[in-house]
Amino acid sequence: MIARNMEPNNWMTLILVFILVIILIGNLLFPEKFTEFKKIFFSNKYFTSHQKKPSVFNLFSFILYLAHGFTLSLGLFILFKAKAVFEVQYDFIFYLQVFIVLNILIGIKYLFEKIIASIFSMDQVIDNYIFYKITYKNLLAFSFYPVLLILIYTWQPHLNVLILITVLYLALNLLVLLKYYSKHQKLIYKFSFYFILYLCTLEIAPYIILYKAIT
């Protein structure tokens, strides 16, 4: 018999509904783009249509990122609460803090990426990479939305299960990056030193920090 989580979660319900509303708005405003976005695991049409100007600063990309940010923050909230990482009250205020800190870190990371691109004259290369990476991260976050529904409303999982889900999510992100690297081997080889430096500081390090926080 499945034990139902009876903790007050009205604010979580509002967040989940808000995420759905954001996604629906994106679908209504940009139906063609949204259809292409949903098929990126099977088709490159979404990327080829943005090949000339792969920018994350447009309304559609912002809508996707906003839904991604709220979804990922909620997942981190559930994980931190189960682990009791911080000695705080795990409520809506703490969720907002997670959301704000997460987006500040993502913003800082993006600025570092742009600075590196400017220093080494790799703007087009980095822009393509950032666009590719963020697009896949958005879709992966949406894919874990049903998992959040289960965790919040039907099942109180053991911490090890949450860690396993987290590892799975990170592994899928890693596979996405490996897919990109395999397609651009010549380009990576050309900038191998800078690529290794970038990979260690801006891609691997954040995951190590998260792993240390939850284990």
C-alpha atoms as a PDB file:
ATOM      1  CA  MET A   1       0.000   0.000   0.000  1.00  0.00           C
ATOM      2  CA  ILE A   2       1.390   3.442  -0.982  1.00  0.00           C
ATOM      3  CA  ALA A   3       1.629   5.957   1.839  1.00  0.00           C
ATOM      4  CA  ARG A   4       0.234   9.296   0.734  1.00  0.00           C
ATOM      5  CA  ASN A   5       2.115  12.454   1.633  1.00  0.00           C
ATOM      6  CA  MET A   6      -0.330  14.525   3.703  1.00  0.00           C
ATOM      7  CA  GLU A   7       1.915  17.541   4.347  1.00  0.00           C
ATOM      8  CA  PRO A   8       0.413  20.927   3.399  1.00  0.00           C
ATOM      9  CA  ASN A   9       1.518  21.565  -0.175  1.00  0.00           C
ATOM     10  CA  ASN A  10      -0.874  24.226  -1.452  1.00  0.00           C
ATOM     11  CA  TRP A  11       1.959  26.453  -2.573  1.00  0.00           C
ATOM     12  CA  MET A  12       3.558  23.514  -4.420  1.00  0.00           C
ATOM     13  CA  THR A  13       0.271  22.983  -6.246  1.00  0.00           C
ATOM     14  CA  LEU A  14       0.281  26.633  -7.297  1.00  0.00           C
ATOM     15  CA  ILE A  15       3.861  26.307  -8.559  1.00  0.00           C
ATOM     16  CA  LEU A  16       2.990  23.179 -10.559  1.00  0.00           C
ATOM     17  CA  VAL A  17      -0.085  24.871 -12.053  1.00  0.00           C
ATOM     18  CA  PHE A  18       2.002  27.970 -12.849  1.00  0.00           C
ATOM     19  CA  ILE A  19       4.549  25.814 -14.689  1.00  0.00           C
ATOM     20  CA  LEU A  20       1.749  24.260 -16.765  1.00  0.00           C
ATOM     21  CA  VAL A  21       0.348  27.720 -17.542  1.00  0.00           C
ATOM     22  CA  ILE A  22       3.777  28.886 -18.716  1.00  0.00           C
ATOM     23  CA  ILE A  23       4.123  25.860 -20.993  1.00  0.00           C
ATOM     24  CA  LEU A  24       0.604  26.381 -22.388  1.00  0.00           C
ATOM     25  CA  ILE A  25       1.375  30.050 -23.083  1.00  0.00           C
ATOM     26  CA  GLY A  26       4.505  29.006 -24.964  1.00  0.00           C
ATOM     27  CA  ASN A  27       2.484  26.497 -26.977  1.00  0.00           C
ATOM     28  CA  LEU A  28      -0.249  29.034 -27.785  1.00  0.00           C
ATOM     29  CA  LEU A  29       2.112  31.850 -28.774  1.00  0.00           C
ATOM     30  CA  PHE A  30       4.613  29.711 -30.681  1.00  0.00           C
ATOM     31  CA  PRO A  31       2.857  26.485 -31.748  1.00  0.00           C
ATOM     32  CA  GLU A  32       5.296  25.670 -34.572  1.00  0.00           C
ATOM     33  CA  LYS A  33       8.378  26.290 -32.464  1.00  0.00           C
ATOM     34  CA  PHE A  34       6.932  24.329 -29.565  1.00  0.00           C
ATOM     35  CA  THR A  35       6.224  21.349 -31.826  1.00  0.00           C
ATOM     36  CA  GLU A  36       9.808  21.421 -33.122  1.00  0.00           C
ATOM     37  CA  PHE A  37      11.108  21.827 -29.566  1.00  0.00           C
ATOM     38  CA  LYS A  38       9.292  18.680 -28.374  1.00  0.00           C
ATOM     39  CA  LYS A  39      10.933  16.650 -31.139  1.00  0.00           C
ATOM     40  CA  ILE A  40      14.568  17.638 -30.565  1.00  0.00           C
ATOM     41  CA  PHE A  41      15.496  14.123 -29.431  1.00  0.00           C
ATOM     42  CA  PHE A  42      14.474  12.852 -32.857  1.00  0.00           C
ATOM     43  CA  SER A  43      14.904  15.840 -35.162  1.00  0.00           C
ATOM     44  CA  ASN A  44      17.391  18.718 -35.577  1.00  0.00           C
ATOM     45  CA  LYS A  45      14.841  21.022 -37.208  1.00  0.00           C
ATOM     46  CA  TYR A  46      14.570  23.220 -34.109  1.00  0.00           C
ATOM     47  CA  PHE A  47      18.335  23.800 -34.090  1.00  0.00           C
ATOM     48  CA  THR A  48      18.713  24.259 -37.844  1.00  0.00           C
ATOM     49  CA  SER A  49      15.968  26.890 -37.832  1.00  0.00           C
ATOM     50  CA  HIS A  50      18.001  28.855 -35.259  1.00  0.00           C
ATOM     51  CA  GLN A  51      21.406  28.112 -36.770  1.00  0.00           C
ATOM     52  CA  LYS A  52      22.072  31.634 -38.051  1.00  0.00           C
ATOM     53  CA  LYS A  53      21.126  33.323 -34.777  1.00  0.00           C
ATOM     54  CA  PRO A  54      21.017  30.868 -31.837  1.00  0.00           C
ATOM     55  CA  SER A  55      19.948  33.253 -29.076  1.00  0.00           C
ATOM     56  CA  VAL A  56      18.514  32.403 -25.663  1.00  0.00           C
ATOM     57  CA  PHE A  57      17.270  35.990 -25.380  1.00  0.00           C
ATOM     58  CA  ASN A  58      13.908  35.753 -27.087  1.00  0.00           C
ATOM     59  CA  LEU A  59      10.388  35.355 -25.722  1.00  0.00           C
ATOM     60  CA  PHE A  60      10.019  31.671 -26.579  1.00  0.00           C
ATOM     61  CA  SER A  61      13.391  30.727 -25.045  1.00  0.00           C
ATOM     62  CA  PHE A  62      12.563  32.826 -21.969  1.00  0.00           C
ATOM     63  CA  ILE A  63       9.224  31.015 -21.520  1.00  0.00           C
ATOM     64  CA  LEU A  64      10.963  27.638 -21.741  1.00  0.00           C
ATOM     65  CA  TYR A  65      13.699  28.699 -19.344  1.00  0.00           C
ATOM     66  CA  LEU A  66      11.194  30.108 -16.840  1.00  0.00           C
ATOM     67  CA  ALA A  67       9.294  26.808 -16.711  1.00  0.00           C
ATOM     68  CA  HIS A  68      12.631  24.975 -16.446  1.00  0.00           C
ATOM     69  CA  GLY A  69      13.747  27.188 -13.559  1.00  0.00           C
ATOM     70  CA  PHE A  70      10.593  26.656 -11.491  1.00  0.00           C
ATOM     71  CA  THR A  71      10.633  22.907 -12.174  1.00  0.00           C
ATOM     72  CA  LEU A  72      14.294  22.398 -11.305  1.00  0.00           C
ATOM     73  CA  SER A  73      13.998  24.568  -8.176  1.00  0.00           C
ATOM     74  CA  LEU A  74      11.079  22.462  -6.963  1.00  0.00           C
ATOM     75  CA  GLY A  75      13.077  19.277  -7.527  1.00  0.00           C
ATOM     76  CA  LEU A  76      16.019  20.699  -5.579  1.00  0.00           C
ATOM     77  CA  PHE A  77      13.668  21.803  -2.790  1.00  0.00           C
ATOM     78  CA  ILE A  78      12.316  18.254  -2.395  1.00  0.00           C
ATOM     79  CA  LEU A  79      15.861  16.843  -2.424  1.00  0.00           C
ATOM     80  CA  PHE A  80      17.227  19.336   0.107  1.00  0.00           C
ATOM     81  CA  LYS A  81      14.241  18.798   2.373  1.00  0.00           C
ATOM     82  CA  ALA A  82      14.620  15.006   2.352  1.00  0.00           C
ATOM     83  CA  LYS A  83      18.336  15.293   3.048  1.00  0.00           C
ATOM     84  CA  ALA A  84      17.846  18.173   5.529  1.00  0.00           C
ATOM     85  CA  VAL A  85      20.880  19.841   3.987  1.00  0.00           C
ATOM     86  CA  PHE A  86      20.171  23.162   5.687  1.00  0.00           C
ATOM     87  CA  GLU A  87      18.875  23.896   9.167  1.00  0.00           C
ATOM     88  CA  VAL A  88      15.949  25.978   7.967  1.00  0.00           C
ATOM     89  CA  GLN A  89      12.177  25.787   7.699  1.00  0.00           C
ATOM     90  CA  TYR A  90      11.402  24.116   4.399  1.00  0.00           C
ATOM     91  CA  ASP A  91       8.566  26.302   3.177  1.00  0.00           C
ATOM     92  CA  PHE A  92       7.678  28.575   0.261  1.00  0.00           C
ATOM     93  CA  ILE A  93      10.246  31.178   1.359  1.00  0.00           C
ATOM     94  CA  PHE A  94      13.028  28.616   1.195  1.00  0.00           C
ATOM     95  CA  TYR A  95      11.783  27.518  -2.242  1.00  0.00           C
ATOM     96  CA  LEU A  96      12.040  31.116  -3.454  1.00  0.00           C
ATOM     97  CA  GLN A  97      15.564  31.282  -2.074  1.00  0.00           C
ATOM     98  CA  VAL A  98      16.473  28.109  -3.992  1.00  0.00           C
ATOM     99  CA  PHE A  99      14.936  29.577  -7.156  1.00  0.00           C
ATOM    100  CA  ILE A 100      16.789  32.884  -6.791  1.00  0.00           C
ATOM    101  CA  VAL A 101      20.168  31.315  -5.941  1.00  0.00           C
ATOM    102  CA  LEU A 102      19.843  28.776  -8.756  1.00  0.00           C
ATOM    103  CA  ASN A 103      19.151  31.469 -11.332  1.00  0.00           C
ATOM    104  CA  ILE A 104      21.928  33.704 -10.018  1.00  0.00           C
ATOM    105  CA  LEU A 105      24.382  30.808 -10.391  1.00  0.00           C
ATOM    106  CA  ILE A 106      23.108  30.052 -13.899  1.00  0.00           C
ATOM    107  CA  GLY A 107      23.439  33.756 -14.771  1.00  0.00           C
ATOM    108  CA  ILE A 108      27.008  33.912 -13.432  1.00  0.00           C
ATOM    109  CA  LYS A 109      27.863  30.755 -15.357  1.00  0.00           C
ATOM    110  CA  TYR A 110      26.439  32.258 -18.540  1.00  0.00           C
ATOM    111  CA  LEU A 111      28.476  35.447 -18.062  1.00  0.00           C
ATOM    112  CA  PHE A 112      31.672  33.406 -17.597  1.00  0.00           C
ATOM    113  CA  GLU A 113      30.878  31.484 -20.770  1.00  0.00           C
ATOM    114  CA  LYS A 114      30.404  34.722 -22.702  1.00  0.00           C
ATOM    115  CA  ILE A 115      33.604  36.197 -21.259  1.00  0.00           C
ATOM    116  CA  ILE A 116      35.569  33.104 -22.273  1.00  0.00           C
ATOM    117  CA  ALA A 117      34.009  33.284 -25.738  1.00  0.00           C
ATOM    118  CA  SER A 118      34.997  36.929 -26.095  1.00  0.00           C
ATOM    119  CA  ILE A 119      38.569  36.435 -24.836  1.00  0.00           C
ATOM    120  CA  PHE A 120      39.293  33.547 -27.197  1.00  0.00           C
ATOM    121  CA  SER A 121      37.187  34.877 -30.107  1.00  0.00           C
ATOM    122  CA  MET A 122      34.768  31.935 -29.951  1.00  0.00           C
ATOM    123  CA  ASP A 123      31.485  33.856 -29.745  1.00  0.00           C
ATOM    124  CA  GLN A 124      29.662  31.926 -32.476  1.00  0.00           C
ATOM    125  CA  VAL A 125      30.921  28.576 -31.161  1.00  0.00           C
ATOM    126  CA  ILE A 126      29.885  29.302 -27.570  1.00  0.00           C
ATOM    127  CA  ASP A 127      26.532  30.800 -28.606  1.00  0.00           C
ATOM    128  CA  ASN A 128      25.681  27.612 -30.507  1.00  0.00           C
ATOM    129  CA  TYR A 129      26.810  25.481 -27.570  1.00  0.00           C
ATOM    130  CA  ILE A 130      24.829  27.465 -24.977  1.00  0.00           C
ATOM    131  CA  PHE A 131      21.700  27.415 -27.131  1.00  0.00           C
ATOM    132  CA  TYR A 132      21.992  23.657 -27.681  1.00  0.00           C
ATOM    133  CA  LYS A 133      22.658  22.939 -24.016  1.00  0.00           C
ATOM    134  CA  ILE A 134      19.894  25.141 -22.575  1.00  0.00           C
ATOM    135  CA  THR A 135      17.341  23.802 -25.079  1.00  0.00           C
ATOM    136  CA  TYR A 136      17.980  20.215 -24.017  1.00  0.00           C
ATOM    137  CA  LYS A 137      18.037  21.148 -20.332  1.00  0.00           C
ATOM    138  CA  ASN A 138      14.613  22.768 -20.744  1.00  0.00           C
ATOM    139  CA  LEU A 139      13.151  19.627 -22.297  1.00  0.00           C
ATOM    140  CA  LEU A 140      14.747  17.349 -19.684  1.00  0.00           C
ATOM    141  CA  ALA A 141      13.245  19.472 -16.906  1.00  0.00           C
ATOM    142  CA  PHE A 142       9.790  19.137 -18.507  1.00  0.00           C
ATOM    143  CA  SER A 143      10.300  15.371 -18.749  1.00  0.00           C
ATOM    144  CA  PHE A 144      10.762  15.197 -14.965  1.00  0.00           C
ATOM    145  CA  TYR A 145       7.558  17.153 -14.294  1.00  0.00           C
ATOM    146  CA  PRO A 146       5.471  13.932 -13.868  1.00  0.00           C
ATOM    147  CA  VAL A 147       8.092  12.686 -11.407  1.00  0.00           C
ATOM    148  CA  LEU A 148       7.493  15.780  -9.270  1.00  0.00           C
ATOM    149  CA  LEU A 149       3.758  15.078  -9.286  1.00  0.00           C
ATOM    150  CA  ILE A 150       4.406  11.578  -7.929  1.00  0.00           C
ATOM    151  CA  LEU A 151       6.865  12.776  -5.289  1.00  0.00           C
ATOM    152  CA  ILE A 152       4.552  15.524  -4.035  1.00  0.00           C
ATOM    153  CA  TYR A 153       1.132  13.862  -4.128  1.00  0.00           C
ATOM    154  CA  THR A 154       1.382  10.085  -4.004  1.00  0.00           C
ATOM    155  CA  TRP A 155       4.625   8.800  -2.579  1.00  0.00           C
ATOM    156  CA  GLN A 156       7.102   9.797   0.112  1.00  0.00           C
ATOM    157  CA  PRO A 157      10.348   8.345  -1.288  1.00  0.00           C
ATOM    158  CA  HIS A 158      13.458   7.316   0.593  1.00  0.00           C
ATOM    159  CA  LEU A 159      16.424   9.666   0.303  1.00  0.00           C
ATOM    160  CA  ASN A 160      18.326   7.070  -1.736  1.00  0.00           C
ATOM    161  CA  VAL A 161      15.514   7.072  -4.301  1.00  0.00           C
ATOM    162  CA  LEU A 162      15.746  10.859  -4.599  1.00  0.00           C
ATOM    163  CA  ILE A 163      19.509  10.624  -5.024  1.00  0.00           C
ATOM    164  CA  LEU A 164      18.985   7.982  -7.713  1.00  0.00           C
ATOM    165  CA  ILE A 165      16.538  10.273  -9.542  1.00  0.00           C
ATOM    166  CA  THR A 166      19.045  13.125  -9.257  1.00  0.00           C
ATOM    167  CA  VAL A 167      21.856  10.955 -10.618  1.00  0.00           C
ATOM    168  CA  LEU A 168      19.596   9.901 -13.502  1.00  0.00           C
ATOM    169  CA  TYR A 169      18.797  13.537 -14.298  1.00  0.00           C
ATOM    170  CA  LEU A 170      22.483  14.499 -14.213  1.00  0.00           C
ATOM    171  CA  ALA A 171      23.387  11.459 -16.331  1.00  0.00           C
ATOM    172  CA  LEU A 172      20.868  12.499 -18.989  1.00  0.00           C
ATOM    173  CA  ASN A 173      22.358  15.992 -18.993  1.00  0.00           C
ATOM    174  CA  LEU A 174      25.793  14.438 -19.422  1.00  0.00           C
ATOM    175  CA  LEU A 175      24.566  12.316 -22.341  1.00  0.00           C
ATOM    176  CA  VAL A 176      23.229  15.458 -24.004  1.00  0.00           C
ATOM    177  CA  LEU A 177      26.635  17.108 -23.692  1.00  0.00           C
ATOM    178  CA  LEU A 178      28.415  13.999 -24.976  1.00  0.00           C
ATOM    179  CA  LYS A 179      26.084  13.971 -27.958  1.00  0.00           C
ATOM    180  CA  TYR A 180      27.098  17.541 -28.769  1.00  0.00           C
ATOM    181  CA  TYR A 181      30.791  16.810 -28.276  1.00  0.00           C
ATOM    182  CA  SER A 182      30.652  13.770 -30.545  1.00  0.00           C
ATOM    183  CA  LYS A 183      29.110  15.874 -33.316  1.00  0.00           C
ATOM    184  CA  HIS A 184      31.739  18.605 -33.022  1.00  0.00           C
ATOM    185  CA  GLN A 185      34.924  16.611 -32.420  1.00  0.00           C
ATOM    186  CA  LYS A 186      37.001  18.588 -34.927  1.00  0.00           C
ATOM    187  CA  LEU A 187      35.962  21.890 -33.406  1.00  0.00           C
ATOM    188  CA  ILE A 188      36.674  20.656 -29.880  1.00  0.00           C
ATOM    189  CA  TYR A 189      40.066  19.330 -30.941  1.00  0.00           C
ATOM    190  CA  LYS A 190      40.904  22.737 -32.413  1.00  0.00           C
ATOM    191  CA  PHE A 191      40.237  24.418 -29.054  1.00  0.00           C
ATOM    192  CA  SER A 192      41.139  21.409 -26.889  1.00  0.00           C
ATOM    193  CA  PHE A 193      42.988  23.311 -24.139  1.00  0.00           C
ATOM    194  CA  TYR A 194      40.250  25.923 -23.689  1.00  0.00           C
ATOM    195  CA  PHE A 195      37.592  23.250 -23.920  1.00  0.00           C
ATOM    196  CA  ILE A 196      39.133  21.151 -21.120  1.00  0.00           C
ATOM    197  CA  LEU A 197      39.520  24.262 -18.967  1.00  0.00           C
ATOM    198  CA  TYR A 198      35.912  25.244 -19.609  1.00  0.00           C
ATOM    199  CA  LEU A 199      34.620  21.717 -19.012  1.00  0.00           C
ATOM    200  CA  CYS A 200      36.332  21.374 -15.633  1.00  0.00           C
ATOM    201  CA  THR A 201      35.370  24.786 -14.282  1.00  0.00           C
ATOM    202  CA  LEU A 202      31.869  25.407 -15.635  1.00  0.00           C
ATOM    203  CA  GLU A 203      30.393  21.981 -16.388  1.00  0.00           C
ATOM    204  CA  ILE A 204      31.864  19.390 -14.025  1.00  0.00           C
ATOM    205  CA  ALA A 205      32.471  21.504 -10.904  1.00  0.00           C
ATOM    206  CA  PRO A 206      28.777  22.472 -10.311  1.00  0.00           C
ATOM    207  CA  TYR A 207      27.732  18.813 -10.411  1.00  0.00           C
ATOM    208  CA  ILE A 208      30.467  17.858  -7.935  1.00  0.00           C
ATOM    209  CA  ILE A 209      29.285  20.606  -5.572  1.00  0.00           C
ATOM    210  CA  LEU A 210      25.680  19.357  -5.822  1.00  0.00           C
ATOM    211  CA  TYR A 211      26.788  15.765  -5.213  1.00  0.00           C
ATOM    212  CA  LYS A 212      28.730  16.798  -2.091  1.00  0.00           C
ATOM    213  CA  ALA A 213      25.709  18.694  -0.817  1.00  0.00           C
ATOM    214  CA  ILE A 214      23.317  15.731  -0.998  1.00  0.00           C
ATOM    215  CA  THR A 215      25.645  12.872   0.075  1.00  0.00           C
END
